[in-house]
Each structure stands twice: as structure tokens, then as C-alpha cells.
PDB file of N, CA and C in Angstrom:
ATOM      1  N   UNK A   1     -12.306   1.711 -41.912  1.00  0.00           N
ATOM      2  CA  UNK A   1     -12.928   1.308 -40.685  1.00  0.00           C
ATOM      3  C   UNK A   1     -12.530   2.295 -39.578  1.00  0.00           C
ATOM      4  N   UNK A   2     -13.507   2.917 -38.898  1.00  0.00           N
ATOM      5  CA  UNK A   2     -13.182   3.911 -37.861  1.00  0.00           C
ATOM      6  C   UNK A   2     -12.594   3.238 -36.618  1.00  0.00           C
ATOM      7  N   UNK A   3     -11.689   3.958 -35.998  1.00  0.00           N
ATOM      8  CA  UNK A   3     -11.069   3.457 -34.770  1.00  0.00           C
ATOM      9  C   UNK A   3     -12.057   3.586 -33.622  1.00  0.00           C
ATOM     10  N   UNK A   4     -12.056   2.641 -32.724  1.00  0.00           N
ATOM     11  CA  UNK A   4     -12.933   2.766 -31.558  1.00  0.00           C
ATOM     12  C   UNK A   4     -12.462   3.906 -30.664  1.00  0.00           C
ATOM     13  N   UNK A   5     -13.421   4.580 -30.072  1.00  0.00           N
ATOM     14  CA  UNK A   5     -13.103   5.715 -29.214  1.00  0.00           C
ATOM     15  C   UNK A   5     -12.492   5.201 -27.911  1.00  0.00           C
ATOM     16  N   UNK A   6     -11.351   5.791 -27.551  1.00  0.00           N
ATOM     17  CA  UNK A   6     -10.681   5.387 -26.310  1.00  0.00           C
ATOM     18  C   UNK A   6     -11.397   5.971 -25.111  1.00  0.00           C
ATOM     19  N   UNK A   7     -11.480   5.178 -24.085  1.00  0.00           N
ATOM     20  CA  UNK A   7     -12.073   5.660 -22.839  1.00  0.00           C
ATOM     21  C   UNK A   7     -10.958   6.303 -22.001  1.00  0.00           C
ATOM     22  N   UNK A   8     -11.153   7.530 -21.611  1.00  0.00           N
ATOM     23  CA  UNK A   8     -10.147   8.244 -20.829  1.00  0.00           C
ATOM     24  C   UNK A   8     -10.443   8.026 -19.353  1.00  0.00           C
ATOM     25  N   UNK A   9      -9.424   7.592 -18.629  1.00  0.00           N
ATOM     26  CA  UNK A   9      -9.573   7.330 -17.207  1.00  0.00           C
ATOM     27  C   UNK A   9      -9.576   8.640 -16.423  1.00  0.00           C
ATOM     28  N   UNK A  10     -10.326   8.700 -15.314  1.00  0.00           N
ATOM     29  CA  UNK A  10     -10.319   9.916 -14.479  1.00  0.00           C
ATOM     30  C   UNK A  10      -8.918  10.272 -13.976  1.00  0.00           C
ATOM     31  N   UNK A  11      -8.093   9.278 -13.699  1.00  0.00           N
ATOM     32  CA  UNK A  11      -6.731   9.568 -13.219  1.00  0.00           C
ATOM     33  C   UNK A  11      -5.918  10.289 -14.287  1.00  0.00           C
ATOM     34  N   UNK A  12      -6.158   9.954 -15.552  1.00  0.00           N
ATOM     35  CA  UNK A  12      -5.466  10.622 -16.653  1.00  0.00           C
ATOM     36  C   UNK A  12      -5.891  12.082 -16.745  1.00  0.00           C
ATOM     37  N   UNK A  13      -7.176  12.321 -16.584  1.00  0.00           N
ATOM     38  CA  UNK A  13      -7.704  13.692 -16.636  1.00  0.00           C
ATOM     39  C   UNK A  13      -7.122  14.523 -15.486  1.00  0.00           C
ATOM     40  N   UNK A  14      -7.060  13.937 -14.285  1.00  0.00           N
ATOM     41  CA  UNK A  14      -6.491  14.648 -13.135  1.00  0.00           C
ATOM     42  C   UNK A  14      -5.019  14.948 -13.366  1.00  0.00           C
ATOM     43  N   UNK A  15      -4.281  14.013 -13.951  1.00  0.00           N
ATOM     44  CA  UNK A  15      -2.864  14.219 -14.214  1.00  0.00           C
ATOM     45  C   UNK A  15      -2.659  15.349 -15.211  1.00  0.00           C
ATOM     46  N   UNK A  16      -3.432  15.373 -16.264  1.00  0.00           N
ATOM     47  CA  UNK A  16      -3.322  16.437 -17.268  1.00  0.00           C
ATOM     48  C   UNK A  16      -3.673  17.787 -16.645  1.00  0.00           C
ATOM     49  N   UNK A  17      -4.718  17.819 -15.808  1.00  0.00           N
ATOM     50  CA  UNK A  17      -5.097  19.065 -15.137  1.00  0.00           C
ATOM     51  C   UNK A  17      -3.987  19.539 -14.214  1.00  0.00           C
ATOM     52  N   UNK A  18      -3.331  18.600 -13.506  1.00  0.00           N
ATOM     53  CA  UNK A  18      -2.234  18.959 -12.623  1.00  0.00           C
ATOM     54  C   UNK A  18      -1.061  19.541 -13.408  1.00  0.00           C
ATOM     55  N   UNK A  19      -0.732  18.935 -14.550  1.00  0.00           N
ATOM     56  CA  UNK A  19       0.364  19.453 -15.367  1.00  0.00           C
ATOM     57  C   UNK A  19       0.062  20.852 -15.880  1.00  0.00           C
ATOM     58  N   UNK A  20      -1.164  21.090 -16.304  1.00  0.00           N
ATOM     59  CA  UNK A  20      -1.534  22.424 -16.774  1.00  0.00           C
ATOM     60  C   UNK A  20      -1.481  23.439 -15.639  1.00  0.00           C
ATOM     61  N   UNK A  21      -1.948  23.057 -14.460  1.00  0.00           N
ATOM     62  CA  UNK A  21      -1.898  23.948 -13.296  1.00  0.00           C
ATOM     63  C   UNK A  21      -0.451  24.252 -12.909  1.00  0.00           C
ATOM     64  N   UNK A  22       0.399  23.255 -12.985  1.00  0.00           N
ATOM     65  CA  UNK A  22       1.808  23.443 -12.685  1.00  0.00           C
ATOM     66  C   UNK A  22       2.444  24.423 -13.655  1.00  0.00           C
ATOM     67  N   UNK A  23       2.142  24.274 -14.913  1.00  0.00           N
ATOM     68  CA  UNK A  23       2.677  25.181 -15.934  1.00  0.00           C
ATOM     69  C   UNK A  23       2.203  26.604 -15.688  1.00  0.00           C
ATOM     70  N   UNK A  24       0.934  26.775 -15.342  1.00  0.00           N
ATOM     71  CA  UNK A  24       0.404  28.117 -15.044  1.00  0.00           C
ATOM     72  C   UNK A  24       1.094  28.716 -13.811  1.00  0.00           C
ATOM     73  N   UNK A  25       1.339  27.887 -12.797  1.00  0.00           N
ATOM     74  CA  UNK A  25       2.010  28.368 -11.592  1.00  0.00           C
ATOM     75  C   UNK A  25       3.434  28.818 -11.903  1.00  0.00           C
ATOM     76  N   UNK A  26       4.130  28.041 -12.720  1.00  0.00           N
ATOM     77  CA  UNK A  26       5.494  28.386 -13.082  1.00  0.00           C
ATOM     78  C   UNK A  26       5.522  29.705 -13.840  1.00  0.00           C
ATOM     79  N   UNK A  27       4.626  29.858 -14.789  1.00  0.00           N
ATOM     80  CA  UNK A  27       4.574  31.083 -15.592  1.00  0.00           C
ATOM     81  C   UNK A  27       4.207  32.291 -14.731  1.00  0.00           C
ATOM     82  N   UNK A  28       3.216  32.136 -13.854  1.00  0.00           N
ATOM     83  CA  UNK A  28       2.744  33.282 -13.078  1.00  0.00           C
ATOM     84  C   UNK A  28       3.745  33.732 -12.026  1.00  0.00           C
ATOM     85  N   UNK A  29       4.599  32.835 -11.541  1.00  0.00           N
ATOM     86  CA  UNK A  29       5.574  33.206 -10.519  1.00  0.00           C
ATOM     87  C   UNK A  29       6.950  33.509 -11.098  1.00  0.00           C
ATOM     88  N   UNK A  30       7.097  33.338 -12.381  1.00  0.00           N
ATOM     89  CA  UNK A  30       8.362  33.672 -13.031  1.00  0.00           C
ATOM     90  C   UNK A  30       9.532  32.808 -12.582  1.00  0.00           C
ATOM     91  N   UNK A  31       9.281  31.561 -12.314  1.00  0.00           N
ATOM     92  CA  UNK A  31      10.344  30.639 -11.918  1.00  0.00           C
ATOM     93  C   UNK A  31      10.456  29.549 -12.974  1.00  0.00           C
ATOM     94  N   UNK A  32      11.541  28.801 -12.891  1.00  0.00           N
ATOM     95  CA  UNK A  32      11.702  27.698 -13.831  1.00  0.00           C
ATOM     96  C   UNK A  32      11.106  26.435 -13.227  1.00  0.00           C
ATOM     97  N   UNK A  33      10.893  25.460 -14.081  1.00  0.00           N
ATOM     98  CA  UNK A  33      10.399  24.170 -13.603  1.00  0.00           C
ATOM     99  C   UNK A  33      11.396  23.546 -12.628  1.00  0.00           C
ATOM    100  N   UNK A  34      12.678  23.738 -12.874  1.00  0.00           N
ATOM    101  CA  UNK A  34      13.709  23.176 -11.998  1.00  0.00           C
ATOM    102  C   UNK A  34      13.641  23.798 -10.608  1.00  0.00           C
ATOM    103  N   UNK A  35      13.435  25.130 -10.544  1.00  0.00           N
ATOM    104  CA  UNK A  35      13.322  25.794  -9.245  1.00  0.00           C
ATOM    105  C   UNK A  35      12.109  25.274  -8.478  1.00  0.00           C
ATOM    106  N   UNK A  36      11.019  25.124  -9.173  1.00  0.00           N
ATOM    107  CA  UNK A  36       9.807  24.614  -8.531  1.00  0.00           C
ATOM    108  C   UNK A  36      10.016  23.174  -8.066  1.00  0.00           C
ATOM    109  N   UNK A  37      10.672  22.377  -8.877  1.00  0.00           N
ATOM    110  CA  UNK A  37      10.953  20.990  -8.502  1.00  0.00           C
ATOM    111  C   UNK A  37      11.820  20.935  -7.245  1.00  0.00           C
ATOM    112  N   UNK A  38      12.852  21.780  -7.174  1.00  0.00           N
ATOM    113  CA  UNK A  38      13.713  21.808  -5.997  1.00  0.00           C
ATOM    114  C   UNK A  38      12.924  22.191  -4.748  1.00  0.00           C
ATOM    115  N   UNK A  39      12.062  23.188  -4.872  1.00  0.00           N
ATOM    116  CA  UNK A  39      11.261  23.624  -3.724  1.00  0.00           C
ATOM    117  C   UNK A  39      10.329  22.504  -3.250  1.00  0.00           C
ATOM    118  N   UNK A  40       9.672  21.834  -4.185  1.00  0.00           N
ATOM    119  CA  UNK A  40       8.778  20.738  -3.818  1.00  0.00           C
ATOM    120  C   UNK A  40       9.554  19.593  -3.161  1.00  0.00           C
ATOM    121  N   UNK A  41      10.726  19.280  -3.689  1.00  0.00           N
ATOM    122  CA  UNK A  41      11.554  18.227  -3.089  1.00  0.00           C
ATOM    123  C   UNK A  41      12.002  18.614  -1.687  1.00  0.00           C
ATOM    124  N   UNK A  42      12.341  19.897  -1.503  1.00  0.00           N
ATOM    125  CA  UNK A  42      12.710  20.379  -0.162  1.00  0.00           C
ATOM    126  C   UNK A  42      11.550  20.202   0.810  1.00  0.00           C
ATOM    127  N   UNK A  43      10.350  20.542   0.365  1.00  0.00           N
ATOM    128  CA  UNK A  43       9.173  20.410   1.226  1.00  0.00           C
ATOM    129  C   UNK A  43       8.923  18.952   1.574  1.00  0.00           C
ATOM    130  N   UNK A  44       9.111  18.052   0.603  1.00  0.00           N
ATOM    131  CA  UNK A  44       8.954  16.627   0.882  1.00  0.00           C
ATOM    132  C   UNK A  44       9.970  16.147   1.917  1.00  0.00           C
ATOM    133  N   UNK A  45      11.218  16.567   1.745  1.00  0.00           N
ATOM    134  CA  UNK A  45      12.266  16.163   2.676  1.00  0.00           C
ATOM    135  C   UNK A  45      12.004  16.710   4.084  1.00  0.00           C
ATOM    136  N   UNK A  46      11.590  17.968   4.176  1.00  0.00           N
ATOM    137  CA  UNK A  46      11.275  18.554   5.475  1.00  0.00           C
ATOM    138  C   UNK A  46      10.132  17.813   6.155  1.00  0.00           C
ATOM    139  N   UNK A  47       9.134  17.441   5.375  1.00  0.00           N
ATOM    140  CA  UNK A  47       8.004  16.711   5.919  1.00  0.00           C
ATOM    141  C   UNK A  47       8.399  15.328   6.413  1.00  0.00           C
ATOM    142  N   UNK A  48       9.276  14.661   5.677  1.00  0.00           N
ATOM    143  CA  UNK A  48       9.743  13.339   6.106  1.00  0.00           C
ATOM    144  C   UNK A  48      10.558  13.438   7.388  1.00  0.00           C
ATOM    145  N   UNK A  49      11.388  14.471   7.490  1.00  0.00           N
ATOM    146  CA  UNK A  49      12.160  14.681   8.716  1.00  0.00           C
ATOM    147  C   UNK A  49      11.227  14.983   9.887  1.00  0.00           C
ATOM    148  N   UNK A  50      10.193  15.773   9.636  1.00  0.00           N
ATOM    149  CA  UNK A  50       9.237  16.107  10.689  1.00  0.00           C
ATOM    150  C   UNK A  50       8.496  14.851  11.154  1.00  0.00           C
ATOM    151  N   UNK A  51       8.126  13.980  10.214  1.00  0.00           N
ATOM    152  CA  UNK A  51       7.467  12.725  10.581  1.00  0.00           C
ATOM    153  C   UNK A  51       8.371  11.889  11.480  1.00  0.00           C
ATOM    154  N   UNK A  52       9.637  11.812  11.132  1.00  0.00           N
ATOM    155  CA  UNK A  52      10.583  11.023  11.933  1.00  0.00           C
ATOM    156  C   UNK A  52      10.710  11.607  13.334  1.00  0.00           C
ATOM    157  N   UNK A  53      10.808  12.927  13.430  1.00  0.00           N
ATOM    158  CA  UNK A  53      10.910  13.566  14.759  1.00  0.00           C
ATOM    159  C   UNK A  53       9.659  13.328  15.580  1.00  0.00           C
ATOM    160  N   UNK A  54       8.500  13.371  14.944  1.00  0.00           N
ATOM    161  CA  UNK A  54       7.254  13.140  15.677  1.00  0.00           C
ATOM    162  C   UNK A  54       7.163  11.699  16.165  1.00  0.00           C
ATOM    163  N   UNK A  55       7.673  10.750  15.359  1.00  0.00           N
ATOM    164  CA  UNK A  55       7.673   9.342  15.789  1.00  0.00           C
ATOM    165  C   UNK A  55       8.629   9.128  16.960  1.00  0.00           C
ATOM    166  N   UNK A  56       9.803   9.771  16.887  1.00  0.00           N
ATOM    167  CA  UNK A  56      10.829   9.593  17.913  1.00  0.00           C
ATOM    168  C   UNK A  56      10.445  10.272  19.224  1.00  0.00           C
ATOM    169  N   UNK A  57       9.817  11.438  19.130  1.00  0.00           N
ATOM    170  CA  UNK A  57       9.505  12.217  20.319  1.00  0.00           C
ATOM    171  C   UNK A  57       8.120  12.843  20.144  1.00  0.00           C
ATOM    172  N   UNK A  58       7.052  12.100  20.384  1.00  0.00           N
ATOM    173  CA  UNK A  58       5.707  12.611  20.133  1.00  0.00           C
ATOM    174  C   UNK A  58       5.325  13.817  20.995  1.00  0.00           C
ATOM    175  N   UNK A  59       6.016  14.050  22.101  1.00  0.00           N
ATOM    176  CA  UNK A  59       5.704  15.192  22.952  1.00  0.00           C
ATOM    177  C   UNK A  59       6.569  16.394  22.657  1.00  0.00           C
ATOM    178  N   UNK A  60       7.127  16.459  21.475  1.00  0.00           N
ATOM    179  CA  UNK A  60       8.041  17.538  21.086  1.00  0.00           C
ATOM    180  C   UNK A  60       7.371  18.901  21.234  1.00  0.00           C
ATOM    181  N   UNK A  61       8.135  19.879  21.705  1.00  0.00           N
ATOM    182  CA  UNK A  61       7.608  21.239  21.890  1.00  0.00           C
ATOM    183  C   UNK A  61       7.235  21.866  20.547  1.00  0.00           C
ATOM    184  N   UNK A  62       7.867  21.434  19.476  1.00  0.00           N
ATOM    185  CA  UNK A  62       7.588  21.966  18.134  1.00  0.00           C
ATOM    186  C   UNK A  62       6.524  21.160  17.416  1.00  0.00           C
ATOM    187  N   UNK A  63       5.699  20.451  18.139  1.00  0.00           N
ATOM    188  CA  UNK A  63       4.724  19.536  17.534  1.00  0.00           C
ATOM    189  C   UNK A  63       3.845  20.238  16.492  1.00  0.00           C
ATOM    190  N   UNK A  64       3.381  21.428  16.783  1.00  0.00           N
ATOM    191  CA  UNK A  64       2.495  22.148  15.843  1.00  0.00           C
ATOM    192  C   UNK A  64       3.213  22.445  14.532  1.00  0.00           C
ATOM    193  N   UNK A  65       4.462  22.928  14.625  1.00  0.00           N
ATOM    194  CA  UNK A  65       5.238  23.249  13.419  1.00  0.00           C
ATOM    195  C   UNK A  65       5.545  21.966  12.636  1.00  0.00           C
ATOM    196  N   UNK A  66       5.908  20.900  13.346  1.00  0.00           N
ATOM    197  CA  UNK A  66       6.223  19.636  12.684  1.00  0.00           C
ATOM    198  C   UNK A  66       4.986  19.068  11.992  1.00  0.00           C
ATOM    199  N   UNK A  67       3.835  19.178  12.641  1.00  0.00           N
ATOM    200  CA  UNK A  67       2.598  18.695  12.039  1.00  0.00           C
ATOM    201  C   UNK A  67       2.266  19.488  10.776  1.00  0.00           C
ATOM    202  N   UNK A  68       2.550  20.790  10.791  1.00  0.00           N
ATOM    203  CA  UNK A  68       2.319  21.625   9.602  1.00  0.00           C
ATOM    204  C   UNK A  68       3.236  21.192   8.459  1.00  0.00           C
ATOM    205  N   UNK A  69       4.494  20.868   8.779  1.00  0.00           N
ATOM    206  CA  UNK A  69       5.430  20.404   7.743  1.00  0.00           C
ATOM    207  C   UNK A  69       4.967  19.077   7.148  1.00  0.00           C
ATOM    208  N   UNK A  70       4.466  18.185   7.988  1.00  0.00           N
ATOM    209  CA  UNK A  70       3.955  16.889   7.502  1.00  0.00           C
ATOM    210  C   UNK A  70       2.746  17.110   6.609  1.00  0.00           C
ATOM    211  N   UNK A  71       1.860  18.032   7.012  1.00  0.00           N
ATOM    212  CA  UNK A  71       0.658  18.316   6.204  1.00  0.00           C
ATOM    213  C   UNK A  71       1.064  18.876   4.845  1.00  0.00           C
ATOM    214  N   UNK A  72       2.058  19.766   4.835  1.00  0.00           N
ATOM    215  CA  UNK A  72       2.520  20.347   3.563  1.00  0.00           C
ATOM    216  C   UNK A  72       3.111  19.265   2.674  1.00  0.00           C
ATOM    217  N   UNK A  73       3.875  18.337   3.281  1.00  0.00           N
ATOM    218  CA  UNK A  73       4.457  17.225   2.502  1.00  0.00           C
ATOM    219  C   UNK A  73       3.349  16.400   1.870  1.00  0.00           C
ATOM    220  N   UNK A  74       2.305  16.117   2.647  1.00  0.00           N
ATOM    221  CA  UNK A  74       1.201  15.322   2.125  1.00  0.00           C
ATOM    222  C   UNK A  74       0.466  16.058   1.007  1.00  0.00           C
ATOM    223  N   UNK A  75       0.363  17.373   1.135  1.00  0.00           N
ATOM    224  CA  UNK A  75      -0.276  18.157   0.062  1.00  0.00           C
ATOM    225  C   UNK A  75       0.543  18.099  -1.225  1.00  0.00           C
ATOM    226  N   UNK A  76       1.862  18.164  -1.073  1.00  0.00           N
ATOM    227  CA  UNK A  76       2.738  18.110  -2.249  1.00  0.00           C
ATOM    228  C   UNK A  76       2.563  16.763  -2.912  1.00  0.00           C
TER     229      UNK A  76
END
């Protein structure tokens, strides 16, 4: 009796595509997965700190730079 064909969810396809893209990025830049993970975590932390500063002092002189850090965190 043949097995029924599984339906693949779009989120699964996006996740697999992201993993393949990540692997290609690691290979093309000659870094390890751990180095890339550390860099992404640093970007997330910087973005979270920028969000906190923007909440505490919305008229900050560094508003443009902080907004860029938040945008990068959201992209990650």
C-alpha cells in the first residue's frame, strides 16, 4: 500500500531555503558557523539596546544610527 504524499508547508520550504542560504554565506565568506552565529547574536543585542535607548530618550541625537541598528536586528 503506497504512503500518502505529505503536504509540505510554505514555512518549511522557507526554513530549508534559509538554511541553504546560510550555508552558502558561510562557505563564500570563509567563516565558521560559530563565527556567524556570534555576529548575528551581537547584532541582535545591539538592536535590543538601541530599542531601549530609543524608548528611554526618543529625541536622542543618535536616533538615525539607533534606528539603523533596530532595523538590522529586525532583519536578522
